PDB file of all heavy atoms in Angstrom:
ATOM      1  N   GLU A   1       4.752  -0.163 -20.676  1.00  0.00           N
ATOM      2  CA  GLU A   1       3.425   0.255 -20.192  1.00  0.00           C
ATOM      3  C   GLU A   1       2.432  -0.889 -20.338  1.00  0.00           C
ATOM      4  O   GLU A   1       1.608  -1.126 -19.446  1.00  0.00           O
ATOM      5  CB  GLU A   1       2.958   1.481 -20.971  1.00  0.00           C
ATOM      6  CG  GLU A   1       3.713   2.756 -20.623  1.00  0.00           C
ATOM      7  CD  GLU A   1       3.111   3.981 -21.288  1.00  0.00           C
ATOM      8  OE1 GLU A   1       1.916   4.253 -21.063  1.00  0.00           O
ATOM      9  OE2 GLU A   1       3.830   4.650 -22.044  1.00  0.00           O
ATOM     10  N   ASP A   2       2.512  -1.599 -21.466  1.00  0.00           N
ATOM     11  CA  ASP A   2       1.587  -2.703 -21.725  1.00  0.00           C
ATOM     12  C   ASP A   2       1.847  -3.897 -20.809  1.00  0.00           C
ATOM     13  O   ASP A   2       0.923  -4.616 -20.433  1.00  0.00           O
ATOM     14  CB  ASP A   2       1.706  -3.164 -23.184  1.00  0.00           C
ATOM     15  CG  ASP A   2       1.141  -2.148 -24.172  1.00  0.00           C
ATOM     16  OD1 ASP A   2       0.437  -1.216 -23.723  1.00  0.00           O
ATOM     17  OD2 ASP A   2       1.424  -2.276 -25.381  1.00  0.00           O
ATOM     18  N   LYS A   3       3.111  -4.109 -20.438  1.00  0.00           N
ATOM     19  CA  LYS A   3       3.472  -5.345 -19.744  1.00  0.00           C
ATOM     20  C   LYS A   3       3.613  -5.194 -18.234  1.00  0.00           C
ATOM     21  O   LYS A   3       3.716  -6.197 -17.510  1.00  0.00           O
ATOM     22  CB  LYS A   3       4.778  -5.895 -20.330  1.00  0.00           C
ATOM     23  CG  LYS A   3       4.880  -7.418 -20.229  1.00  0.00           C
ATOM     24  CD  LYS A   3       5.952  -7.975 -21.131  1.00  0.00           C
ATOM     25  CE  LYS A   3       5.954  -9.507 -21.044  1.00  0.00           C
ATOM     26  NZ  LYS A   3       6.986 -10.119 -21.897  1.00  0.00           N
ATOM     27  N   ALA A   4       3.609  -3.966 -17.731  1.00  0.00           N
ATOM     28  CA  ALA A   4       3.809  -3.753 -16.292  1.00  0.00           C
ATOM     29  C   ALA A   4       2.778  -4.517 -15.464  1.00  0.00           C
ATOM     30  O   ALA A   4       3.114  -5.197 -14.488  1.00  0.00           O
ATOM     31  CB  ALA A   4       3.760  -2.268 -15.965  1.00  0.00           C
ATOM     32  N   GLY A   5       1.501  -4.401 -15.829  1.00  0.00           N
ATOM     33  CA  GLY A   5       0.440  -5.102 -15.117  1.00  0.00           C
ATOM     34  C   GLY A   5       0.517  -6.606 -15.303  1.00  0.00           C
ATOM     35  O   GLY A   5       0.224  -7.379 -14.374  1.00  0.00           O
ATOM     36  N   TRP A   6       0.930  -7.020 -16.508  1.00  0.00           N
ATOM     37  CA  TRP A   6       1.050  -8.451 -16.801  1.00  0.00           C
ATOM     38  C   TRP A   6       2.055  -9.107 -15.869  1.00  0.00           C
ATOM     39  O   TRP A   6       1.816 -10.216 -15.370  1.00  0.00           O
ATOM     40  CB  TRP A   6       1.483  -8.650 -18.255  1.00  0.00           C
ATOM     41  CG  TRP A   6       1.613 -10.087 -18.672  1.00  0.00           C
ATOM     42  CD1 TRP A   6       0.631 -10.908 -19.154  1.00  0.00           C
ATOM     43  CD2 TRP A   6       2.816 -10.892 -18.646  1.00  0.00           C
ATOM     44  NE1 TRP A   6       1.138 -12.171 -19.434  1.00  0.00           N
ATOM     45  CE2 TRP A   6       2.468 -12.181 -19.125  1.00  0.00           C
ATOM     46  CE3 TRP A   6       4.131 -10.635 -18.267  1.00  0.00           C
ATOM     47  CZ2 TRP A   6       3.396 -13.206 -19.244  1.00  0.00           C
ATOM     48  CZ3 TRP A   6       5.069 -11.671 -18.372  1.00  0.00           C
ATOM     49  CH2 TRP A   6       4.695 -12.937 -18.865  1.00  0.00           C
ATOM     50  N   TYR A   7       3.172  -8.450 -15.614  1.00  0.00           N
ATOM     51  CA  TYR A   7       4.179  -9.010 -14.725  1.00  0.00           C
ATOM     52  C   TYR A   7       3.624  -9.211 -13.316  1.00  0.00           C
ATOM     53  O   TYR A   7       3.876 -10.236 -12.680  1.00  0.00           O
ATOM     54  CB  TYR A   7       5.409  -8.105 -14.667  1.00  0.00           C
ATOM     55  CG  TYR A   7       6.372  -8.325 -15.810  1.00  0.00           C
ATOM     56  CD1 TYR A   7       6.779  -7.272 -16.617  1.00  0.00           C
ATOM     57  CD2 TYR A   7       6.909  -9.581 -16.072  1.00  0.00           C
ATOM     58  CE1 TYR A   7       7.683  -7.467 -17.662  1.00  0.00           C
ATOM     59  CE2 TYR A   7       7.797  -9.788 -17.107  1.00  0.00           C
ATOM     60  CZ  TYR A   7       8.179  -8.725 -17.897  1.00  0.00           C
ATOM     61  OH  TYR A   7       9.060  -8.931 -18.921  1.00  0.00           O
ATOM     62  N   LEU A   8       2.883  -8.240 -12.822  1.00  0.00           N
ATOM     63  CA  LEU A   8       2.301  -8.385 -11.480  1.00  0.00           C
ATOM     64  C   LEU A   8       1.292  -9.525 -11.449  1.00  0.00           C
ATOM     65  O   LEU A   8       1.212 -10.271 -10.460  1.00  0.00           O
ATOM     66  CB  LEU A   8       1.650  -7.072 -11.042  1.00  0.00           C
ATOM     67  CG  LEU A   8       2.593  -5.872 -10.896  1.00  0.00           C
ATOM     68  CD1 LEU A   8       1.840  -4.672 -10.311  1.00  0.00           C
ATOM     69  CD2 LEU A   8       3.799  -6.210 -10.028  1.00  0.00           C
ATOM     70  N   ASP A   9       0.535  -9.692 -12.531  1.00  0.00           N
ATOM     71  CA  ASP A   9      -0.402 -10.821 -12.617  1.00  0.00           C
ATOM     72  C   ASP A   9       0.341 -12.158 -12.581  1.00  0.00           C
ATOM     73  O   ASP A   9      -0.142 -13.127 -11.983  1.00  0.00           O
ATOM     74  CB  ASP A   9      -1.235 -10.725 -13.894  1.00  0.00           C
ATOM     75  CG  ASP A   9      -2.265  -9.599 -13.850  1.00  0.00           C
ATOM     76  OD1 ASP A   9      -2.594  -9.147 -12.730  1.00  0.00           O
ATOM     77  OD2 ASP A   9      -2.726  -9.185 -14.929  1.00  0.00           O
ATOM     78  N   GLN A  10       1.501 -12.196 -13.233  1.00  0.00           N
ATOM     79  CA  GLN A  10       2.295 -13.425 -13.226  1.00  0.00           C
ATOM     80  C   GLN A  10       2.788 -13.758 -11.824  1.00  0.00           C
ATOM     81  O   GLN A  10       2.779 -14.917 -11.408  1.00  0.00           O
ATOM     82  CB  GLN A  10       3.485 -13.291 -14.183  1.00  0.00           C
ATOM     83  CG  GLN A  10       3.101 -13.179 -15.633  1.00  0.00           C
ATOM     84  CD  GLN A  10       2.224 -14.323 -16.098  1.00  0.00           C
ATOM     85  OE1 GLN A  10       2.618 -15.495 -16.015  1.00  0.00           O
ATOM     86  NE2 GLN A  10       1.039 -14.015 -16.566  1.00  0.00           N
ATOM     87  N   LEU A  11       3.213 -12.729 -11.083  1.00  0.00           N
ATOM     88  CA  LEU A  11       3.657 -12.961  -9.704  1.00  0.00           C
ATOM     89  C   LEU A  11       2.508 -13.533  -8.868  1.00  0.00           C
ATOM     90  O   LEU A  11       2.702 -14.468  -8.082  1.00  0.00           O
ATOM     91  CB  LEU A  11       4.171 -11.664  -9.082  1.00  0.00           C
ATOM     92  CG  LEU A  11       5.388 -11.008  -9.736  1.00  0.00           C
ATOM     93  CD1 LEU A  11       5.783  -9.750  -8.961  1.00  0.00           C
ATOM     94  CD2 LEU A  11       6.563 -11.967  -9.825  1.00  0.00           C
ATOM     95  N   LYS A  12       1.312 -12.967  -9.065  1.00  0.00           N
ATOM     96  CA  LYS A  12       0.138 -13.466  -8.339  1.00  0.00           C
ATOM     97  C   LYS A  12      -0.151 -14.914  -8.696  1.00  0.00           C
ATOM     98  O   LYS A  12      -0.455 -15.740  -7.829  1.00  0.00           O
ATOM     99  CB  LYS A  12      -1.084 -12.604  -8.655  1.00  0.00           C
ATOM    100  CG  LYS A  12      -1.034 -11.189  -8.116  1.00  0.00           C
ATOM    101  CD  LYS A  12      -2.261 -10.415  -8.581  1.00  0.00           C
ATOM    102  CE  LYS A  12      -2.186  -8.953  -8.204  1.00  0.00           C
ATOM    103  NZ  LYS A  12      -3.343  -8.183  -8.753  1.00  0.00           N
ATOM    104  N   SER A  13      -0.063 -15.221  -9.988  1.00  0.00           N
ATOM    105  CA  SER A  13      -0.386 -16.577 -10.440  1.00  0.00           C
ATOM    106  C   SER A  13       0.588 -17.616  -9.894  1.00  0.00           C
ATOM    107  O   SER A  13       0.270 -18.802  -9.818  1.00  0.00           O
ATOM    108  CB  SER A  13      -0.398 -16.638 -11.968  1.00  0.00           C
ATOM    109  OG  SER A  13       0.918 -16.562 -12.495  1.00  0.00           O
ATOM    110  N   LYS A  14       1.784 -17.154  -9.504  1.00  0.00           N
ATOM    111  CA  LYS A  14       2.782 -18.058  -8.923  1.00  0.00           C
ATOM    112  C   LYS A  14       2.639 -18.164  -7.409  1.00  0.00           C
ATOM    113  O   LYS A  14       3.445 -18.812  -6.747  1.00  0.00           O
ATOM    114  CB  LYS A  14       4.186 -17.572  -9.264  1.00  0.00           C
ATOM    115  CG  LYS A  14       4.477 -17.481 -10.755  1.00  0.00           C
ATOM    116  CD  LYS A  14       4.420 -18.831 -11.447  1.00  0.00           C
ATOM    117  CE  LYS A  14       4.820 -18.697 -12.904  1.00  0.00           C
ATOM    118  NZ  LYS A  14       4.775 -20.018 -13.607  1.00  0.00           N
ATOM    119  N   GLY A  15       1.616 -17.516  -6.871  1.00  0.00           N
ATOM    120  CA  GLY A  15       1.332 -17.637  -5.447  1.00  0.00           C
ATOM    121  C   GLY A  15       1.867 -16.525  -4.575  1.00  0.00           C
ATOM    122  O   GLY A  15       1.741 -16.583  -3.343  1.00  0.00           O
ATOM    123  N   MET A  16       2.448 -15.494  -5.188  1.00  0.00           N
ATOM    124  CA  MET A  16       2.974 -14.392  -4.384  1.00  0.00           C
ATOM    125  C   MET A  16       1.850 -13.458  -3.937  1.00  0.00           C
ATOM    126  O   MET A  16       0.838 -13.302  -4.620  1.00  0.00           O
ATOM    127  CB  MET A  16       4.011 -13.588  -5.178  1.00  0.00           C
ATOM    128  CG  MET A  16       5.280 -14.354  -5.470  1.00  0.00           C
ATOM    129  SD  MET A  16       6.634 -13.259  -5.975  1.00  0.00           S
ATOM    130  CE  MET A  16       7.029 -12.456  -4.414  1.00  0.00           C
ATOM    131  N   LYS A  17       2.022 -12.849  -2.788  1.00  0.00           N
ATOM    132  CA  LYS A  17       1.097 -11.834  -2.302  1.00  0.00           C
ATOM    133  C   LYS A  17       1.521 -10.485  -2.865  1.00  0.00           C
ATOM    134  O   LYS A  17       2.557  -9.949  -2.470  1.00  0.00           O
ATOM    135  CB  LYS A  17       1.098 -11.793  -0.769  1.00  0.00           C
ATOM    136  CG  LYS A  17       0.593 -13.065  -0.112  1.00  0.00           C
ATOM    137  CD  LYS A  17       0.631 -12.944   1.419  1.00  0.00           C
ATOM    138  CE  LYS A  17       0.125 -14.209   2.091  1.00  0.00           C
ATOM    139  NZ  LYS A  17       0.195 -14.106   3.577  1.00  0.00           N
ATOM    140  N   VAL A  18       0.750  -9.972  -3.810  1.00  0.00           N
ATOM    141  CA  VAL A  18       1.036  -8.683  -4.436  1.00  0.00           C
ATOM    142  C   VAL A  18       0.048  -7.678  -3.878  1.00  0.00           C
ATOM    143  O   VAL A  18      -1.166  -7.831  -4.029  1.00  0.00           O
ATOM    144  CB  VAL A  18       0.911  -8.773  -5.969  1.00  0.00           C
ATOM    145  CG1 VAL A  18       1.127  -7.409  -6.615  1.00  0.00           C
ATOM    146  CG2 VAL A  18       1.910  -9.796  -6.512  1.00  0.00           C
ATOM    147  N   GLN A  19       0.540  -6.662  -3.201  1.00  0.00           N
ATOM    148  CA  GLN A  19      -0.361  -5.739  -2.520  1.00  0.00           C
ATOM    149  C   GLN A  19       0.222  -4.333  -2.426  1.00  0.00           C
ATOM    150  O   GLN A  19       1.436  -4.135  -2.581  1.00  0.00           O
ATOM    151  CB  GLN A  19      -0.656  -6.259  -1.116  1.00  0.00           C
ATOM    152  CG  GLN A  19       0.594  -6.521  -0.290  1.00  0.00           C
ATOM    153  CD  GLN A  19       0.343  -7.473   0.867  1.00  0.00           C
ATOM    154  OE1 GLN A  19      -0.547  -7.268   1.672  1.00  0.00           O
ATOM    155  NE2 GLN A  19       1.138  -8.539   0.958  1.00  0.00           N
ATOM    156  N   ALA A  20      -0.667  -3.393  -2.177  1.00  0.00           N
ATOM    157  CA  ALA A  20      -0.230  -2.016  -1.942  1.00  0.00           C
ATOM    158  C   ALA A  20       0.393  -1.930  -0.555  1.00  0.00           C
ATOM    159  O   ALA A  20       0.061  -2.726   0.330  1.00  0.00           O
ATOM    160  CB  ALA A  20      -1.425  -1.073  -2.041  1.00  0.00           C
ATOM    161  N   PRO A  21       1.314  -0.991  -0.341  1.00  0.00           N
ATOM    162  CA  PRO A  21       1.908  -0.852   0.992  1.00  0.00           C
ATOM    163  C   PRO A  21       0.887  -0.316   1.981  1.00  0.00           C
ATOM    164  O   PRO A  21      -0.038   0.411   1.608  1.00  0.00           O
ATOM    165  CB  PRO A  21       3.034   0.157   0.768  1.00  0.00           C
ATOM    166  CG  PRO A  21       2.576   0.971  -0.400  1.00  0.00           C
ATOM    167  CD  PRO A  21       1.837   0.009  -1.293  1.00  0.00           C
ATOM    168  N   SER A  22       1.018  -0.686   3.244  1.00  0.00           N
ATOM    169  CA  SER A  22       0.166  -0.116   4.286  1.00  0.00           C
ATOM    170  C   SER A  22       0.473   1.379   4.399  1.00  0.00           C
ATOM    171  O   SER A  22       1.541   1.833   3.974  1.00  0.00           O
ATOM    172  CB  SER A  22       0.462  -0.786   5.635  1.00  0.00           C
ATOM    173  OG  SER A  22       1.771  -0.426   6.076  1.00  0.00           O
ATOM    174  N   PRO A  23      -0.428   2.167   4.981  1.00  0.00           N
ATOM    175  CA  PRO A  23      -0.141   3.596   5.168  1.00  0.00           C
ATOM    176  C   PRO A  23       1.154   3.827   5.953  1.00  0.00           C
ATOM    177  O   PRO A  23       1.916   4.747   5.650  1.00  0.00           O
ATOM    178  CB  PRO A  23      -1.361   4.087   5.953  1.00  0.00           C
ATOM    179  CG  PRO A  23      -2.468   3.165   5.554  1.00  0.00           C
ATOM    180  CD  PRO A  23      -1.816   1.831   5.386  1.00  0.00           C
ATOM    181  N   GLU A  24       1.415   2.964   6.949  1.00  0.00           N
ATOM    182  CA  GLU A  24       2.636   3.110   7.744  1.00  0.00           C
ATOM    183  C   GLU A  24       3.889   2.846   6.900  1.00  0.00           C
ATOM    184  O   GLU A  24       4.885   3.573   7.006  1.00  0.00           O
ATOM    185  CB  GLU A  24       2.615   2.138   8.928  1.00  0.00           C
ATOM    186  CG  GLU A  24       1.565   2.441   9.987  1.00  0.00           C
ATOM    187  CD  GLU A  24       0.158   1.985   9.580  1.00  0.00           C
ATOM    188  OE1 GLU A  24       0.042   1.200   8.613  1.00  0.00           O
ATOM    189  OE2 GLU A  24      -0.803   2.409  10.235  1.00  0.00           O
ATOM    190  N   LEU A  25       3.829   1.812   6.059  1.00  0.00           N
ATOM    191  CA  LEU A  25       4.971   1.493   5.204  1.00  0.00           C
ATOM    192  C   LEU A  25       5.190   2.587   4.160  1.00  0.00           C
ATOM    193  O   LEU A  25       6.323   3.012   3.924  1.00  0.00           O
ATOM    194  CB  LEU A  25       4.757   0.144   4.523  1.00  0.00           C
ATOM    195  CG  LEU A  25       5.896  -0.365   3.643  1.00  0.00           C
ATOM    196  CD1 LEU A  25       7.183  -0.515   4.447  1.00  0.00           C
ATOM    197  CD2 LEU A  25       5.512  -1.703   2.987  1.00  0.00           C
TER     198      LEU A  25
END
């Protein structure tokens, strides 16, 4: 629970596009 958000932040910091799915997806 504590680290779930941290991992997504790490992906962002490495240049990945982290986003919610579109309504269609």
